[in-house]
Amino acid sequence: MNNIVLIGFMGSGKTSVGIRLAKKLAFRFMDTDLIIEEGCKRTISSVFEEEGEEFFRELETKTIRDFIGKLKDTVLSVGGGLPVQTGNGRLLRQLGQVVYLKTSRETIIRRLSGDDTRPLLSGDNTEEQIDALLKFRAPIYEAAAHITVITNGRKFDEIIDEIMMRTGVNHEVISHKRTKS
């Protein structure tokens, strides 16, 4: 199972890093938010608004549960709240090597400034909402992850190289491809 699962706070770069990492490894890239949007035929924001957060979290859990034993050579980016749900950290670890993309509060605030697509950051006091969510989620991300990669001030290639080195996935992929030849 050569899968890498990217977790982290919204705005931490899971999708941007994931797409580039998958390309470099010749893996498939998948994003749970996009999968849910395609399945529901509506945006995450509208799912939150019409069905509520609890319904959305159940969809996330079902999505990753359905992947167990089926994903191969995939980089999977998951929504920022997915690891927080009870049991999801264990499920993610069954899918592959879990990498926490840890990003500073300041970077997250800068990246999410003016982004009105995030249901949990609607309204005023966005910085306070980010602070509260980060305080709650960071220890959960740490516990769910096999490794933590700091992303602040780093280029995509540096982050990707660290992920590949620390997970050993590049070596495994090369070895696997050699044995198939």
Protein backbone atom coordinates (compact mmCIF):
# COMPACT_ATOMS: atom_id res chain seq x y z
CA MET A 1 0.00 0.00 0.00
CA ASN A 2 1.87 3.01 -1.29
CA ASN A 3 -0.60 5.70 -0.29
CA ILE A 4 0.09 9.06 1.30
CA VAL A 5 -2.70 10.79 3.20
CA LEU A 6 -2.31 14.54 3.71
CA ILE A 7 -3.97 16.11 6.72
CA GLY A 8 -3.83 19.59 8.17
CA PHE A 9 -5.76 22.76 8.79
CA MET A 10 -7.65 24.45 5.97
CA GLY A 11 -5.21 26.53 3.96
CA SER A 12 -2.22 24.37 4.89
CA GLY A 13 -1.59 23.38 1.27
CA LYS A 14 -2.92 19.82 1.24
CA THR A 15 -4.36 20.09 -2.26
CA SER A 16 -1.50 22.13 -3.74
CA VAL A 17 1.17 19.84 -2.27
CA GLY A 18 -0.88 16.73 -2.99
CA ILE A 19 -1.32 17.42 -6.70
CA ARG A 20 2.41 18.08 -7.14
CA LEU A 21 3.45 15.09 -4.99
CA ALA A 22 1.16 12.75 -6.91
CA LYS A 23 2.57 13.97 -10.20
CA LYS A 24 6.16 13.49 -9.03
CA LEU A 25 5.40 9.95 -7.84
CA ALA A 26 3.18 9.12 -10.84
CA PHE A 27 0.38 8.48 -8.34
CA ARG A 28 -3.29 9.32 -8.56
CA PHE A 29 -4.44 12.39 -6.61
CA MET A 30 -7.75 12.39 -4.77
CA ASP A 31 -9.39 14.97 -2.51
CA THR A 32 -12.20 13.92 -0.15
CA ASP A 33 -13.89 17.32 -0.43
CA LEU A 34 -14.04 17.04 -4.23
CA ILE A 35 -15.30 13.47 -4.03
CA ILE A 36 -18.08 14.53 -1.66
CA GLU A 37 -18.99 17.51 -3.84
CA GLU A 38 -19.19 15.27 -6.91
CA GLY A 39 -21.28 12.69 -5.04
CA CYS A 40 -23.70 15.28 -3.65
CA LYS A 41 -23.62 17.40 -6.82
CA ARG A 42 -23.20 20.54 -4.69
CA THR A 43 -20.53 22.46 -2.84
CA ILE A 44 -19.30 21.69 0.66
CA SER A 45 -20.70 25.06 1.74
CA SER A 46 -24.17 24.13 0.52
CA VAL A 47 -23.98 20.69 2.18
CA PHE A 48 -23.09 22.44 5.47
CA GLU A 49 -25.85 24.99 5.01
CA GLU A 50 -28.60 22.58 3.96
CA GLU A 51 -27.72 19.40 5.88
CA GLY A 52 -25.47 20.59 8.70
CA GLU A 53 -21.94 19.80 9.82
CA GLU A 54 -22.83 16.44 11.39
CA PHE A 55 -24.20 15.15 8.08
CA PHE A 56 -21.07 16.35 6.26
CA ARG A 57 -18.77 14.67 8.81
CA GLU A 58 -20.66 11.41 8.32
CA LEU A 59 -20.09 11.71 4.57
CA GLU A 60 -16.37 12.22 5.17
CA THR A 61 -16.13 9.13 7.37
CA LYS A 62 -18.09 7.02 4.88
CA THR A 63 -15.84 8.23 2.07
CA ILE A 64 -12.60 7.17 3.75
CA ARG A 65 -14.10 3.95 5.08
CA ASP A 66 -15.05 3.03 1.50
CA PHE A 67 -11.41 3.51 0.42
CA ILE A 68 -9.92 0.97 2.83
CA GLY A 69 -8.30 -1.86 0.91
CA LYS A 70 -9.06 -0.19 -2.42
CA LEU A 71 -6.57 2.67 -2.80
CA LYS A 72 -3.18 2.03 -4.29
CA ASP A 73 -0.49 4.49 -5.36
CA THR A 74 -2.64 7.44 -4.32
CA VAL A 75 -2.06 10.77 -2.64
CA LEU A 76 -5.23 11.55 -0.70
CA SER A 77 -5.96 15.03 0.62
CA VAL A 78 -8.63 15.13 3.32
CA GLY A 79 -10.72 17.94 4.70
CA GLY A 80 -9.32 19.77 7.71
CA GLY A 81 -12.02 18.48 10.06
CA LEU A 82 -11.97 14.86 8.93
CA PRO A 83 -9.26 13.64 11.37
CA VAL A 84 -11.15 15.21 14.27
CA GLN A 85 -14.06 12.76 14.10
CA THR A 86 -13.72 9.82 16.48
CA GLY A 87 -12.09 6.84 14.78
CA ASN A 88 -11.09 8.68 11.61
CA GLY A 89 -7.42 8.92 12.61
CA ARG A 90 -7.30 5.12 12.81
CA LEU A 91 -9.05 4.79 9.44
CA LEU A 92 -6.62 7.23 7.81
CA ARG A 93 -3.66 5.26 9.15
CA GLN A 94 -5.14 2.14 7.53
CA LEU A 95 -5.21 3.93 4.19
CA GLY A 96 -1.54 4.86 4.11
CA GLN A 97 1.16 7.00 5.63
CA VAL A 98 -0.46 10.02 7.21
CA VAL A 99 1.43 13.29 6.79
CA TYR A 100 0.42 16.35 8.80
CA LEU A 101 1.19 19.55 6.89
CA LYS A 102 1.73 21.90 9.80
CA THR A 103 1.34 25.56 8.96
CA SER A 104 1.60 28.58 11.23
CA ARG A 105 -1.42 30.54 12.38
CA GLU A 106 -0.15 33.65 10.56
CA THR A 107 0.24 31.80 7.26
CA ILE A 108 -3.22 30.28 7.56
CA ILE A 109 -4.79 33.66 8.33
CA ARG A 110 -3.02 35.20 5.33
CA ARG A 111 -4.08 32.38 3.00
CA LEU A 112 -7.69 32.32 4.17
CA SER A 113 -8.16 36.08 4.25
CA GLY A 114 -11.23 36.91 2.20
CA ASP A 115 -12.08 33.24 1.51
CA ASP A 116 -15.83 33.00 1.99
CA THR A 117 -16.07 29.34 0.91
CA ARG A 118 -15.12 27.92 4.33
CA PRO A 119 -18.30 27.17 6.32
CA LEU A 120 -16.54 27.12 9.69
CA LEU A 121 -15.04 30.56 9.10
CA SER A 122 -18.17 32.45 8.19
CA GLY A 123 -19.05 35.70 9.90
CA ASP A 124 -16.87 38.06 11.88
CA ASN A 125 -13.83 37.25 14.02
CA THR A 126 -12.19 34.91 11.51
CA GLU A 127 -8.89 35.08 13.40
CA GLU A 128 -10.58 34.04 16.64
CA GLN A 129 -12.32 31.17 14.84
CA ILE A 130 -9.00 30.03 13.36
CA ASP A 131 -7.30 30.27 16.77
CA ALA A 132 -9.99 28.17 18.45
CA LEU A 133 -10.02 25.53 15.71
CA LEU A 134 -6.21 25.33 15.58
CA LYS A 135 -5.95 24.93 19.34
CA PHE A 136 -8.45 22.09 19.25
CA ARG A 137 -7.28 20.37 16.07
CA ALA A 138 -3.47 20.57 16.20
CA PRO A 139 -3.04 17.84 18.86
CA ILE A 140 -5.46 15.61 16.95
CA TYR A 141 -3.50 16.07 13.73
CA GLU A 142 -0.27 15.25 15.58
CA ALA A 143 -1.77 12.07 17.04
CA ALA A 144 -3.19 10.89 13.69
CA ALA A 145 -0.02 11.51 11.67
CA HIS A 146 2.91 9.23 11.10
CA ILE A 147 5.01 12.30 10.34
CA THR A 148 4.68 16.07 10.60
CA VAL A 149 6.10 18.36 7.92
CA ILE A 150 6.44 22.09 8.62
CA THR A 151 5.40 24.07 5.54
CA ASN A 152 6.07 27.68 6.56
CA GLY A 153 8.28 29.61 4.16
CA ARG A 154 9.08 26.51 2.13
CA LYS A 155 8.74 25.86 -1.57
CA PHE A 156 6.60 23.00 -2.83
CA ASP A 157 9.65 21.02 -3.97
CA GLU A 158 11.20 21.21 -0.50
CA ILE A 159 8.01 19.98 1.14
CA ILE A 160 7.55 17.19 -1.40
CA ASP A 161 11.17 16.05 -1.10
CA GLU A 162 10.83 15.88 2.69
CA ILE A 163 7.61 13.87 2.44
CA MET A 164 9.20 11.44 -0.01
CA MET A 165 12.34 11.07 2.08
CA ARG A 166 10.56 10.63 5.41
CA THR A 167 7.87 8.26 4.15
CA GLY A 168 10.23 6.27 1.93
CA VAL A 169 7.46 6.11 -0.66
CA ASN A 170 9.74 7.13 -3.53
CA HIS A 171 12.11 4.28 -2.71
CA GLU A 172 9.20 1.82 -2.39
CA VAL A 173 7.72 2.93 -5.71
CA ILE A 174 11.05 2.59 -7.53
CA SER A 175 11.69 -0.84 -5.97
CA HIS A 176 8.16 -1.99 -6.80
CA LYS A 177 8.47 -0.82 -10.40
CA ARG A 178 11.84 -2.60 -10.76
CA THR A 179 10.41 -5.91 -9.52
CA LYS A 180 7.50 -5.65 -11.99
CA SER A 181 9.89 -5.16 -14.96
